[in-house]
């Protein structure tokens, strides 16, 4: 029987194998469905606070006010 870590690793490996590789402007990969849906749903449910903007001053402050930064692309329906 495969453990959860191995199942996630296998899922990620399949995503990497099916990824698109670009050479410009630098070598990088675009992956889709990198995590199993249940793992992604669990991550999305982790409570997160909006970062403080106290250190920002000037016109940039208004641009960052209330933003939440995440690199997760959420699949529809999750």
C-alpha atoms as a PDB file:
ATOM      1  CA  UNK A   1       0.000   0.000   0.000  1.00  0.00           C
ATOM      2  CA  UNK A   2       1.279   3.470  -0.911  1.00  0.00           C
ATOM      3  CA  UNK A   3       1.523   6.078   1.852  1.00  0.00           C
ATOM      4  CA  UNK A   4       0.155   9.618   1.474  1.00  0.00           C
ATOM      5  CA  UNK A   5       3.593  11.179   0.910  1.00  0.00           C
ATOM      6  CA  UNK A   6       4.357   8.746  -1.910  1.00  0.00           C
ATOM      7  CA  UNK A   7       0.933   9.323  -3.474  1.00  0.00           C
ATOM      8  CA  UNK A   8       1.553  13.095  -3.463  1.00  0.00           C
ATOM      9  CA  UNK A   9       5.061  12.599  -4.885  1.00  0.00           C
ATOM     10  CA  UNK A  10       3.685  10.389  -7.675  1.00  0.00           C
ATOM     11  CA  UNK A  11       0.960  12.920  -8.464  1.00  0.00           C
ATOM     12  CA  UNK A  12       3.536  15.727  -8.633  1.00  0.00           C
ATOM     13  CA  UNK A  13       5.802  13.568 -10.825  1.00  0.00           C
ATOM     14  CA  UNK A  14       2.974  13.056 -13.308  1.00  0.00           C
ATOM     15  CA  UNK A  15       2.351  16.798 -13.349  1.00  0.00           C
ATOM     16  CA  UNK A  16       6.031  17.487 -13.977  1.00  0.00           C
ATOM     17  CA  UNK A  17       6.188  14.875 -16.736  1.00  0.00           C
ATOM     18  CA  UNK A  18       3.244  16.499 -18.493  1.00  0.00           C
ATOM     19  CA  UNK A  19       4.442  20.063 -17.999  1.00  0.00           C
ATOM     20  CA  UNK A  20       5.299  22.572 -20.676  1.00  0.00           C
ATOM     21  CA  UNK A  21       8.925  23.761 -20.704  1.00  0.00           C
ATOM     22  CA  UNK A  22       9.777  27.276 -21.884  1.00  0.00           C
ATOM     23  CA  UNK A  23      13.289  28.516 -22.583  1.00  0.00           C
ATOM     24  CA  UNK A  24      12.572  32.252 -22.606  1.00  0.00           C
ATOM     25  CA  UNK A  25      13.065  34.550 -20.822  1.00  0.00           C
ATOM     26  CA  UNK A  26      14.695  31.770 -18.750  1.00  0.00           C
ATOM     27  CA  UNK A  27      14.164  28.017 -18.550  1.00  0.00           C
ATOM     28  CA  UNK A  28      10.984  27.329 -16.609  1.00  0.00           C
ATOM     29  CA  UNK A  29       8.150  24.854 -16.422  1.00  0.00           C
ATOM     30  CA  UNK A  30       4.410  25.462 -16.299  1.00  0.00           C
ATOM     31  CA  UNK A  31       2.722  22.723 -14.330  1.00  0.00           C
ATOM     32  CA  UNK A  32      -0.961  21.985 -13.852  1.00  0.00           C
ATOM     33  CA  UNK A  33      -2.697  19.898 -11.224  1.00  0.00           C
ATOM     34  CA  UNK A  34       0.480  19.649  -9.166  1.00  0.00           C
ATOM     35  CA  UNK A  35      -1.301  18.436  -6.033  1.00  0.00           C
ATOM     36  CA  UNK A  36      -4.175  16.024  -5.552  1.00  0.00           C
ATOM     37  CA  UNK A  37      -7.504  17.838  -5.149  1.00  0.00           C
ATOM     38  CA  UNK A  38      -7.942  16.748  -1.515  1.00  0.00           C
ATOM     39  CA  UNK A  39      -4.486  18.066  -0.579  1.00  0.00           C
ATOM     40  CA  UNK A  40      -5.132  21.381  -2.323  1.00  0.00           C
ATOM     41  CA  UNK A  41      -8.503  21.706  -0.593  1.00  0.00           C
ATOM     42  CA  UNK A  42      -6.810  21.124   2.780  1.00  0.00           C
ATOM     43  CA  UNK A  43      -4.204  23.810   2.059  1.00  0.00           C
ATOM     44  CA  UNK A  44      -6.861  26.310   0.996  1.00  0.00           C
ATOM     45  CA  UNK A  45      -8.674  25.787   4.315  1.00  0.00           C
ATOM     46  CA  UNK A  46      -5.584  26.817   6.340  1.00  0.00           C
ATOM     47  CA  UNK A  47      -6.442  30.135   8.013  1.00  0.00           C
ATOM     48  CA  UNK A  48      -4.223  32.980   6.832  1.00  0.00           C
ATOM     49  CA  UNK A  49      -4.110  36.602   7.923  1.00  0.00           C
ATOM     50  CA  UNK A  50      -3.733  39.476   5.518  1.00  0.00           C
ATOM     51  CA  UNK A  51      -0.100  40.693   5.695  1.00  0.00           C
ATOM     52  CA  UNK A  52       0.513  43.943   7.543  1.00  0.00           C
ATOM     53  CA  UNK A  53       1.153  46.991   5.386  1.00  0.00           C
ATOM     54  CA  UNK A  54       2.509  49.118   8.233  1.00  0.00           C
ATOM     55  CA  UNK A  55       6.011  49.149   6.725  1.00  0.00           C
ATOM     56  CA  UNK A  56       4.784  50.594   3.421  1.00  0.00           C
ATOM     57  CA  UNK A  57       4.694  54.327   2.890  1.00  0.00           C
ATOM     58  CA  UNK A  58       3.721  56.638   0.066  1.00  0.00           C
ATOM     59  CA  UNK A  59       1.640  55.743  -2.955  1.00  0.00           C
ATOM     60  CA  UNK A  60       2.554  52.056  -2.907  1.00  0.00           C
ATOM     61  CA  UNK A  61       0.772  51.652   0.415  1.00  0.00           C
ATOM     62  CA  UNK A  62      -2.608  52.235  -1.200  1.00  0.00           C
ATOM     63  CA  UNK A  63      -1.824  49.590  -3.831  1.00  0.00           C
ATOM     64  CA  UNK A  64      -1.053  46.925  -1.223  1.00  0.00           C
ATOM     65  CA  UNK A  65      -3.763  47.747   1.306  1.00  0.00           C
ATOM     66  CA  UNK A  66      -5.853  44.661   2.000  1.00  0.00           C
ATOM     67  CA  UNK A  67      -4.186  42.367  -0.526  1.00  0.00           C
ATOM     68  CA  UNK A  68      -3.538  38.752   0.273  1.00  0.00           C
ATOM     69  CA  UNK A  69      -0.581  37.191  -1.556  1.00  0.00           C
ATOM     70  CA  UNK A  70      -0.732  33.547  -2.577  1.00  0.00           C
ATOM     71  CA  UNK A  71       0.837  31.539  -5.352  1.00  0.00           C
ATOM     72  CA  UNK A  72      -1.952  28.961  -5.379  1.00  0.00           C
ATOM     73  CA  UNK A  73      -4.060  28.673  -8.481  1.00  0.00           C
ATOM     74  CA  UNK A  74      -7.363  27.357  -7.202  1.00  0.00           C
ATOM     75  CA  UNK A  75      -9.202  24.900  -9.413  1.00  0.00           C
ATOM     76  CA  UNK A  76     -12.900  25.635  -9.927  1.00  0.00           C
ATOM     77  CA  UNK A  77     -15.104  23.711  -7.554  1.00  0.00           C
ATOM     78  CA  UNK A  78     -12.584  23.421  -4.712  1.00  0.00           C
END
